[in-house]
Protein backbone atom coordinates (compact mmCIF):
# COMPACT_ATOMS: atom_id res chain seq x y z
CA MET A 1 -16.92 -6.25 -5.40
CA TYR A 2 -13.59 -5.76 -3.67
CA TRP A 3 -10.08 -6.91 -4.47
CA VAL A 4 -7.08 -7.71 -2.34
CA PHE A 5 -4.19 -5.57 -3.58
CA GLN A 6 -0.47 -5.24 -3.10
CA THR A 7 2.50 -3.45 -4.63
CA HIS A 8 4.01 -5.25 -7.60
CA ILE A 9 7.73 -5.86 -7.13
CA PHE A 10 9.70 -5.45 -10.33
CA THR A 11 13.09 -7.08 -10.79
CA TRP A 12 16.06 -6.25 -13.01
CA ARG A 13 19.05 -8.58 -13.36
CA ASN A 14 17.68 -10.64 -10.47
CA LYS A 15 17.54 -7.62 -8.14
CA TYR A 16 14.53 -5.78 -6.79
CA VAL A 17 13.74 -2.40 -8.34
CA GLN A 18 13.29 -0.45 -5.13
CA ALA A 19 13.12 3.18 -4.06
CA LYS A 20 15.50 3.57 -1.13
CA LEU A 21 14.81 5.99 1.70
CA VAL A 22 18.12 7.75 2.29
CA ASP A 23 17.20 10.82 4.37
CA PRO A 24 16.43 10.03 7.05
CA MET A 25 17.58 6.43 6.90
CA PRO A 26 14.77 4.00 7.82
CA ILE A 27 16.45 3.13 11.11
CA LYS A 28 16.39 6.83 12.07
CA LEU A 29 12.71 7.52 11.31
CA LYS A 30 11.47 7.20 14.89
CA ASP A 31 14.40 9.22 16.25
CA VAL A 32 13.52 12.11 13.93
CA TYR A 33 9.71 12.05 14.08
CA GLU A 34 8.58 10.17 17.20
CA LYS A 35 8.33 13.35 19.30
CA TYR A 36 5.60 14.56 16.91
CA GLY A 37 3.45 11.43 17.32
CA PHE A 38 4.88 9.30 14.52
CA ARG A 39 5.07 5.63 15.47
CA SER A 40 5.10 3.62 12.28
CA PRO A 41 4.49 4.04 8.53
CA MET A 42 1.49 1.73 9.01
CA GLN A 43 -0.19 3.53 11.93
CA GLU A 44 -3.92 4.23 11.57
CA GLU A 45 -3.90 7.78 12.92
CA PRO A 46 -2.30 10.75 11.11
CA TYR A 47 1.48 10.95 11.36
CA GLY A 48 1.24 14.25 13.23
CA VAL A 49 4.11 15.85 11.34
CA LYS A 50 4.94 16.97 7.82
CA LEU A 51 7.35 14.29 6.68
CA GLN A 52 10.40 15.43 4.73
CA LEU A 53 11.81 12.37 3.04
CA THR A 54 14.38 11.79 0.31
CA TYR A 55 14.37 8.66 -1.82
CA GLN A 56 17.02 7.38 -4.19
CA ILE A 57 15.83 5.67 -7.36
CA ASP A 58 17.70 4.16 -10.29
CA LEU A 59 16.62 6.10 -13.38
CA ARG A 60 17.70 3.26 -15.66
CA HIS A 61 14.41 1.59 -14.74
CA SER A 62 10.88 2.63 -15.54
CA SER A 63 9.12 4.43 -12.69
CA PRO A 64 5.91 2.64 -11.63
CA ASP A 65 3.07 4.68 -10.17
CA ASN A 66 3.09 2.48 -7.06
CA TYR A 67 6.81 2.20 -6.29
CA PHE A 68 8.13 -0.60 -4.07
CA GLU A 69 10.22 1.02 -1.33
CA ASN A 70 12.26 -0.07 1.68
CA ALA A 71 10.82 1.71 4.73
CA GLY A 72 7.21 0.50 4.97
CA PHE A 73 5.53 3.52 3.35
CA ARG A 74 3.43 3.62 0.19
CA LEU A 75 5.19 5.65 -2.49
CA TYR A 76 2.71 6.85 -5.14
CA SER A 77 3.09 8.98 -8.27
CA GLU A 78 1.35 12.32 -8.56
CA ARG A 79 -1.22 10.99 -11.01
CA LEU A 80 -2.05 8.09 -8.70
CA ILE A 81 -2.50 10.53 -5.82
CA ARG A 82 -4.88 12.60 -7.96
CA LEU A 83 -6.88 9.47 -8.80
CA MET A 84 -7.17 8.59 -5.11
CA GLU A 85 -8.40 12.14 -4.44
CA SER A 86 -11.02 11.87 -7.18
CA PHE A 87 -12.45 8.79 -5.45
CA GLY A 88 -12.62 10.58 -2.10
CA VAL A 89 -10.04 8.38 -0.42
CA ARG A 90 -9.32 9.72 3.08
CA ALA A 91 -5.56 10.08 3.28
CA GLU A 92 -2.63 12.40 3.84
CA TYR A 93 0.13 12.92 1.28
CA PHE A 94 3.70 14.11 1.61
CA PRO A 95 5.78 15.13 -1.40
CA VAL A 96 9.21 13.50 -1.37
CA SER A 97 12.55 14.52 -2.85
CA ILE A 98 14.01 12.17 -5.45
CA ILE A 99 17.71 11.73 -6.13
CA ASP A 100 19.49 9.44 -8.55
CA ARG A 101 22.39 7.11 -7.79
CA GLN A 102 24.83 10.02 -8.11
CA SER A 103 22.80 12.04 -5.55
CA ASN A 104 21.54 14.45 -8.22
CA VAL A 105 18.16 15.94 -7.30
CA LYS A 106 15.46 15.09 -9.86
CA THR A 107 12.28 17.08 -10.45
CA ASN A 108 10.65 14.34 -12.50
CA PRO A 109 9.03 11.96 -11.69
CA ASN A 110 7.01 13.42 -8.80
CA TYR A 111 6.25 11.06 -5.92
CA PHE A 112 4.38 11.32 -2.64
CA VAL A 113 4.21 9.20 0.48
CA PHE A 114 0.57 8.11 0.61
CA HIS A 115 -0.88 7.40 4.06
CA SER A 116 -4.42 6.05 4.06
CA LEU A 117 -6.67 7.25 6.88
CA GLU A 118 -9.51 4.90 5.95
CA GLY A 119 -8.61 2.55 8.77
CA VAL A 120 -9.89 -0.95 9.54
CA LEU A 121 -13.46 -2.02 8.72
CA PRO A 122 -15.38 -5.10 9.96
CA ALA A 123 -15.79 -6.65 6.51
CA MET A 124 -15.14 -10.35 7.06
CA ASP A 125 -17.88 -12.95 7.28
CA GLU A 126 -16.12 -14.88 10.02
CA VAL A 127 -18.16 -18.08 9.68
CA LYS A 128 -17.88 -18.40 5.89
CA SER A 129 -14.20 -17.41 5.97
CA GLY A 130 -13.39 -20.08 8.56
CA TRP A 131 -12.10 -17.56 11.08
CA THR A 132 -11.38 -19.14 14.49
CA GLY A 133 -10.01 -16.06 16.18
CA ASP A 134 -6.43 -17.27 15.76
CA ARG A 135 -4.33 -15.37 13.20
CA ASP A 136 -1.82 -18.23 13.07
CA SER A 137 -4.58 -20.61 11.96
CA GLY A 138 -5.66 -18.12 9.31
CA ILE A 139 -8.61 -18.52 6.94
CA HIS A 140 -9.40 -20.87 4.06
CA SER A 141 -10.95 -18.08 1.97
CA LEU A 142 -11.86 -14.44 2.51
CA VAL A 143 -15.62 -14.00 2.31
CA LEU A 144 -16.93 -10.49 2.82
CA ASP A 145 -20.21 -9.56 4.47
CA TYR A 146 -21.27 -6.54 2.42
CA TYR A 147 -23.96 -5.57 4.92
CA LYS A 148 -21.46 -5.03 7.75
CA PHE A 149 -19.33 -2.15 6.50
CA PRO A 150 -19.45 1.13 4.54
CA HIS A 151 -18.22 0.59 1.01
CA ARG A 152 -15.17 2.83 1.03
CA PRO A 153 -12.75 2.93 -1.97
CA LEU A 154 -10.08 1.13 0.04
CA PHE A 155 -9.51 -0.01 3.61
CA LEU A 156 -7.98 -2.72 5.77
CA CYS A 157 -10.10 -5.79 6.47
CA ASP A 158 -10.47 -6.48 10.18
CA LYS A 159 -8.90 -9.50 11.88
CA ILE A 160 -6.34 -10.12 9.11
CA TYR A 161 -5.47 -6.47 8.27
CA LEU A 162 -5.53 -7.14 4.55
CA PRO A 163 -5.79 -4.16 2.15
CA LEU A 164 -8.92 -4.19 0.00
CA MET A 165 -9.85 -1.98 -2.96
CA ARG A 166 -13.30 -1.36 -4.41
CA ASP A 167 -13.80 -2.56 -7.98
CA ASP A 168 -14.50 0.87 -9.49
CA LEU A 169 -11.17 2.22 -8.25
CA LYS A 170 -9.39 -0.90 -9.50
CA GLN A 171 -10.99 -0.46 -12.94
CA ALA A 172 -9.91 3.20 -13.06
CA ILE A 173 -6.34 2.13 -12.28
CA ILE A 174 -6.43 -0.32 -15.17
CA GLU A 175 -8.13 2.09 -17.59
CA GLN A 176 -5.59 4.83 -16.86
CA SER A 177 -2.66 2.38 -17.23
CA ILE A 178 -1.47 3.09 -13.70
CA THR A 179 1.32 0.68 -12.87
CA GLY A 180 2.65 -1.07 -9.80
CA PHE A 181 -0.43 -2.92 -8.49
CA GLU A 182 -1.33 -6.59 -8.26
CA PHE A 183 -4.85 -7.78 -7.50
CA LEU A 184 -6.43 -10.95 -6.16
CA ASN A 185 -10.04 -12.06 -5.81
CA PRO A 186 -10.67 -12.36 -2.05
CA ALA A 187 -12.14 -15.84 -2.58
CA ARG A 188 -8.66 -17.01 -3.57
CA TYR A 189 -6.97 -15.57 -0.49
CA LYS A 190 -5.91 -18.06 2.17
CA SER A 191 -3.51 -17.95 5.08
CA GLY A 192 -2.16 -19.85 8.05
CA LYS A 193 -2.60 -23.61 8.02
CA TYR A 194 -4.56 -23.34 4.76
CA GLY A 195 -1.46 -22.29 2.86
CA SER A 196 -0.58 -19.12 1.02
CA ILE A 197 -1.16 -17.52 -2.37
CA LEU A 198 1.72 -18.09 -4.76
CA HIS A 199 1.01 -14.98 -6.85
CA PHE A 200 -1.57 -12.32 -7.54
CA ASP A 201 -2.77 -12.72 -11.09
CA GLU A 202 -6.34 -11.43 -11.33
């Protein structure tokens, strides 16, 4: 069994609780790191450089293990990183510096940029999912063909590039009270002309 997953976005006083990349600023990322092979936070291959990033967080809020951030990276707590390691997830991790709103450096909580190297796997049953080859048309439901792909802890589903997580890793996240994730049964996923999911509530 696999689950679609995403980062849960917390709000406070009608504003997003978000870790903000302040050094370098998101617009400067490629200028600083492109010469080393970095193209995008979402690239499949390794970044090619040891990232040195500073995030600003508001310490008035609780600190989720999977922290919504503004530059396209995945920002994970140290205990979430250790859990990913225990499941053999192929990834690279980069410790980040944390400052508060007054620019004071904080040593707790500890966060890392998490970059999965699991890549894209051919997991979709294209016929049962209603895949026409057109991403704009989308699919009426995501049906997986479990005979087509190695059952890695997490990966991106081909064609639609949707992140999927194996059930045992999801259960460990729940059992260890790791916060910041939302999950959805793939059968409830739809896109394109078939509409969109209003919320993840599995």
